[in-house]
Amino acid sequence: MQGSKWVEQWGEIVEDPNWSRRSVGQMYFPQFLVGMTATLLVVLGWTFMSTGSVWESLGWTFLAGVVLQAGYFVAVLWLVQAESRATDESKASDAGAPAKLPGPFERDGTSTR
């Protein structure tokens, strides 16, 4: 099928007609939200079973949530920095090459090639 995009969704590769700019292998917000909620529920249950105190378990769960958010923020900053570094390196390697401009009939979609 021409023009279709294949994406990985929940561990399997499927054809997605509504393909977005999200590339394969990247974590996106709903996946992060489900994972974080599951992790915090495990922390809540574990600390409640260990301490027997609802308030102490809520406190530890809140602290775990703050640590998870800080880690997610650092990971996003690292990914953005790595992407900008790769972009800067590609710009530096293309600096000596002549510009590749399309011909007059290639940019408007009327080209027969």
C-alpha atoms as a PDB file:
ATOM      1  CA  MET A   1       0.000   0.000   0.000  1.00  0.00           C
ATOM      2  CA  GLN A   2       1.643   3.227  -1.109  1.00  0.00           C
ATOM      3  CA  GLY A   3       1.891   6.098   1.348  1.00  0.00           C
ATOM      4  CA  SER A   4       0.914   4.053   4.395  1.00  0.00           C
ATOM      5  CA  LYS A   5       2.945   4.132   7.575  1.00  0.00           C
ATOM      6  CA  TRP A   6       3.748   1.214   9.828  1.00  0.00           C
ATOM      7  CA  VAL A   7       4.000   1.903  13.545  1.00  0.00           C
ATOM      8  CA  GLU A   8       4.628  -0.173  16.625  1.00  0.00           C
ATOM      9  CA  GLN A   9       1.726  -0.157  19.049  1.00  0.00           C
ATOM     10  CA  TRP A  10       1.751  -2.097  22.325  1.00  0.00           C
ATOM     11  CA  GLY A  11       4.542  -4.378  21.124  1.00  0.00           C
ATOM     12  CA  GLU A  12       3.188  -5.243  17.690  1.00  0.00           C
ATOM     13  CA  ILE A  13       3.629  -3.521  14.357  1.00  0.00           C
ATOM     14  CA  VAL A  14       0.375  -2.386  12.795  1.00  0.00           C
ATOM     15  CA  GLU A  15      -0.603  -0.255   9.841  1.00  0.00           C
ATOM     16  CA  ASP A  16      -1.887   3.056  11.107  1.00  0.00           C
ATOM     17  CA  PRO A  17      -3.790   5.255   8.638  1.00  0.00           C
ATOM     18  CA  ASN A  18      -3.703   8.122  11.143  1.00  0.00           C
ATOM     19  CA  TRP A  19       0.078   7.962  11.524  1.00  0.00           C
ATOM     20  CA  SER A  20       1.504  10.807  13.558  1.00  0.00           C
ATOM     21  CA  ARG A  21       5.008  12.218  13.885  1.00  0.00           C
ATOM     22  CA  ARG A  22       5.611   9.932  16.865  1.00  0.00           C
ATOM     23  CA  SER A  23       8.376   7.616  15.779  1.00  0.00           C
ATOM     24  CA  VAL A  24       8.606   3.930  16.571  1.00  0.00           C
ATOM     25  CA  GLY A  25      10.151   3.176  19.939  1.00  0.00           C
ATOM     26  CA  GLN A  26       9.485   6.504  21.616  1.00  0.00           C
ATOM     27  CA  MET A  27       7.465   6.671  24.775  1.00  0.00           C
ATOM     28  CA  TYR A  28       4.393   8.839  24.577  1.00  0.00           C
ATOM     29  CA  PHE A  29       2.309  10.347  27.356  1.00  0.00           C
ATOM     30  CA  PRO A  30      -0.532   7.766  27.733  1.00  0.00           C
ATOM     31  CA  GLN A  31       2.000   4.931  27.984  1.00  0.00           C
ATOM     32  CA  PHE A  32       3.962   6.896  30.588  1.00  0.00           C
ATOM     33  CA  LEU A  33       0.784   7.693  32.534  1.00  0.00           C
ATOM     34  CA  VAL A  34      -0.288   4.041  32.726  1.00  0.00           C
ATOM     35  CA  GLY A  35       3.189   2.952  33.797  1.00  0.00           C
ATOM     36  CA  MET A  36       3.486   5.655  36.428  1.00  0.00           C
ATOM     37  CA  THR A  37       0.024   4.925  37.834  1.00  0.00           C
ATOM     38  CA  ALA A  38       0.789   1.214  38.076  1.00  0.00           C
ATOM     39  CA  THR A  39       4.118   1.919  39.772  1.00  0.00           C
ATOM     40  CA  LEU A  40       2.552   4.291  42.285  1.00  0.00           C
ATOM     41  CA  LEU A  41      -0.199   1.776  43.088  1.00  0.00           C
ATOM     42  CA  VAL A  42       2.461  -0.863  43.796  1.00  0.00           C
ATOM     43  CA  VAL A  43       4.337   1.602  46.046  1.00  0.00           C
ATOM     44  CA  LEU A  44       1.093   2.506  47.817  1.00  0.00           C
ATOM     45  CA  GLY A  45       0.172  -1.130  48.447  1.00  0.00           C
ATOM     46  CA  TRP A  46       3.675  -2.143  49.466  1.00  0.00           C
ATOM     47  CA  THR A  47       4.148   0.698  51.944  1.00  0.00           C
ATOM     48  CA  PHE A  48       0.684   0.199  53.404  1.00  0.00           C
ATOM     49  CA  MET A  49       1.378  -3.504  53.942  1.00  0.00           C
ATOM     50  CA  SER A  50       4.767  -2.650  55.490  1.00  0.00           C
ATOM     51  CA  THR A  51       3.693   0.212  57.754  1.00  0.00           C
ATOM     52  CA  GLY A  52      -0.043  -0.274  58.304  1.00  0.00           C
ATOM     53  CA  SER A  53      -0.479   3.505  58.137  1.00  0.00           C
ATOM     54  CA  VAL A  54      -2.532   5.091  55.377  1.00  0.00           C
ATOM     55  CA  TRP A  55      -0.910   8.500  55.865  1.00  0.00           C
ATOM     56  CA  GLU A  56       2.639   7.175  55.842  1.00  0.00           C
ATOM     57  CA  SER A  57       1.962   5.104  52.738  1.00  0.00           C
ATOM     58  CA  LEU A  58       0.429   8.153  51.001  1.00  0.00           C
ATOM     59  CA  GLY A  59       3.520  10.182  51.953  1.00  0.00           C
ATOM     60  CA  TRP A  60       5.903   7.587  50.517  1.00  0.00           C
ATOM     61  CA  THR A  61       3.748   7.296  47.390  1.00  0.00           C
ATOM     62  CA  PHE A  62       3.834  11.070  46.934  1.00  0.00           C
ATOM     63  CA  LEU A  63       7.626  11.024  47.316  1.00  0.00           C
ATOM     64  CA  ALA A  64       7.887   8.221  44.749  1.00  0.00           C
ATOM     65  CA  GLY A  65       5.711  10.253  42.364  1.00  0.00           C
ATOM     66  CA  VAL A  66       8.001  13.269  42.723  1.00  0.00           C
ATOM     67  CA  VAL A  67      11.057  11.108  42.039  1.00  0.00           C
ATOM     68  CA  LEU A  68       9.379   9.554  38.967  1.00  0.00           C
ATOM     69  CA  GLN A  69       8.416  12.982  37.617  1.00  0.00           C
ATOM     70  CA  ALA A  70      11.942  14.306  38.144  1.00  0.00           C
ATOM     71  CA  GLY A  71      13.362  11.287  36.350  1.00  0.00           C
ATOM     72  CA  TYR A  72      10.936  11.702  33.460  1.00  0.00           C
ATOM     73  CA  PHE A  73      11.833  15.408  33.198  1.00  0.00           C
ATOM     74  CA  VAL A  74      15.569  14.617  33.128  1.00  0.00           C
ATOM     75  CA  ALA A  75      15.011  11.918  30.480  1.00  0.00           C
ATOM     76  CA  VAL A  76      13.073  14.351  28.262  1.00  0.00           C
ATOM     77  CA  LEU A  77      15.805  16.985  28.638  1.00  0.00           C
ATOM     78  CA  TRP A  78      18.423  14.380  27.718  1.00  0.00           C
ATOM     79  CA  LEU A  79      16.454  13.318  24.618  1.00  0.00           C
ATOM     80  CA  VAL A  80      15.976  16.926  23.489  1.00  0.00           C
ATOM     81  CA  GLN A  81      19.667  17.669  24.014  1.00  0.00           C
ATOM     82  CA  ALA A  82      20.706  14.538  22.080  1.00  0.00           C
ATOM     83  CA  GLU A  83      18.349  15.460  19.220  1.00  0.00           C
ATOM     84  CA  SER A  84      19.689  19.009  19.028  1.00  0.00           C
ATOM     85  CA  ARG A  85      23.263  17.699  19.060  1.00  0.00           C
ATOM     86  CA  ALA A  86      22.485  15.341  16.167  1.00  0.00           C
ATOM     87  CA  THR A  87      20.843  18.212  14.266  1.00  0.00           C
ATOM     88  CA  ASP A  88      23.861  20.455  14.888  1.00  0.00           C
ATOM     89  CA  GLU A  89      26.230  17.726  13.664  1.00  0.00           C
ATOM     90  CA  SER A  90      24.231  17.211  10.468  1.00  0.00           C
ATOM     91  CA  LYS A  91      24.189  20.967   9.839  1.00  0.00           C
ATOM     92  CA  ALA A  92      27.957  21.090  10.310  1.00  0.00           C
ATOM     93  CA  SER A  93      28.517  18.232   7.852  1.00  0.00           C
ATOM     94  CA  ASP A  94      26.255  19.879   5.244  1.00  0.00           C
ATOM     95  CA  ALA A  95      27.871  23.310   5.595  1.00  0.00           C
ATOM     96  CA  GLY A  96      30.454  22.729   2.839  1.00  0.00           C
ATOM     97  CA  ALA A  97      28.053  21.094   0.378  1.00  0.00           C
ATOM     98  CA  PRO A  98      26.175  23.163  -2.165  1.00  0.00           C
ATOM     99  CA  ALA A  99      22.485  23.694  -1.529  1.00  0.00           C
ATOM    100  CA  LYS A 100      20.154  21.134  -3.098  1.00  0.00           C
ATOM    101  CA  LEU A 101      17.261  23.165  -4.436  1.00  0.00           C
ATOM    102  CA  PRO A 102      14.368  21.574  -6.301  1.00  0.00           C
ATOM    103  CA  GLY A 103      13.814  22.443  -9.928  1.00  0.00           C
ATOM    104  CA  PRO A 104      10.934  24.731 -10.861  1.00  0.00           C
ATOM    105  CA  PHE A 105       8.554  21.840 -11.640  1.00  0.00           C
ATOM    106  CA  GLU A 106       9.514  19.566  -8.730  1.00  0.00           C
ATOM    107  CA  ARG A 107       8.220  21.620  -5.826  1.00  0.00           C
ATOM    108  CA  ASP A 108       4.591  22.048  -6.889  1.00  0.00           C
ATOM    109  CA  GLY A 109       3.690  18.390  -7.359  1.00  0.00           C
ATOM    110  CA  THR A 110       3.478  18.518 -11.171  1.00  0.00           C
ATOM    111  CA  SER A 111       6.689  16.592 -11.710  1.00  0.00           C
ATOM    112  CA  THR A 112       6.289  13.336 -13.644  1.00  0.00           C
ATOM    113  CA  ARG A 113       9.263  11.677 -11.970  1.00  0.00           C
END
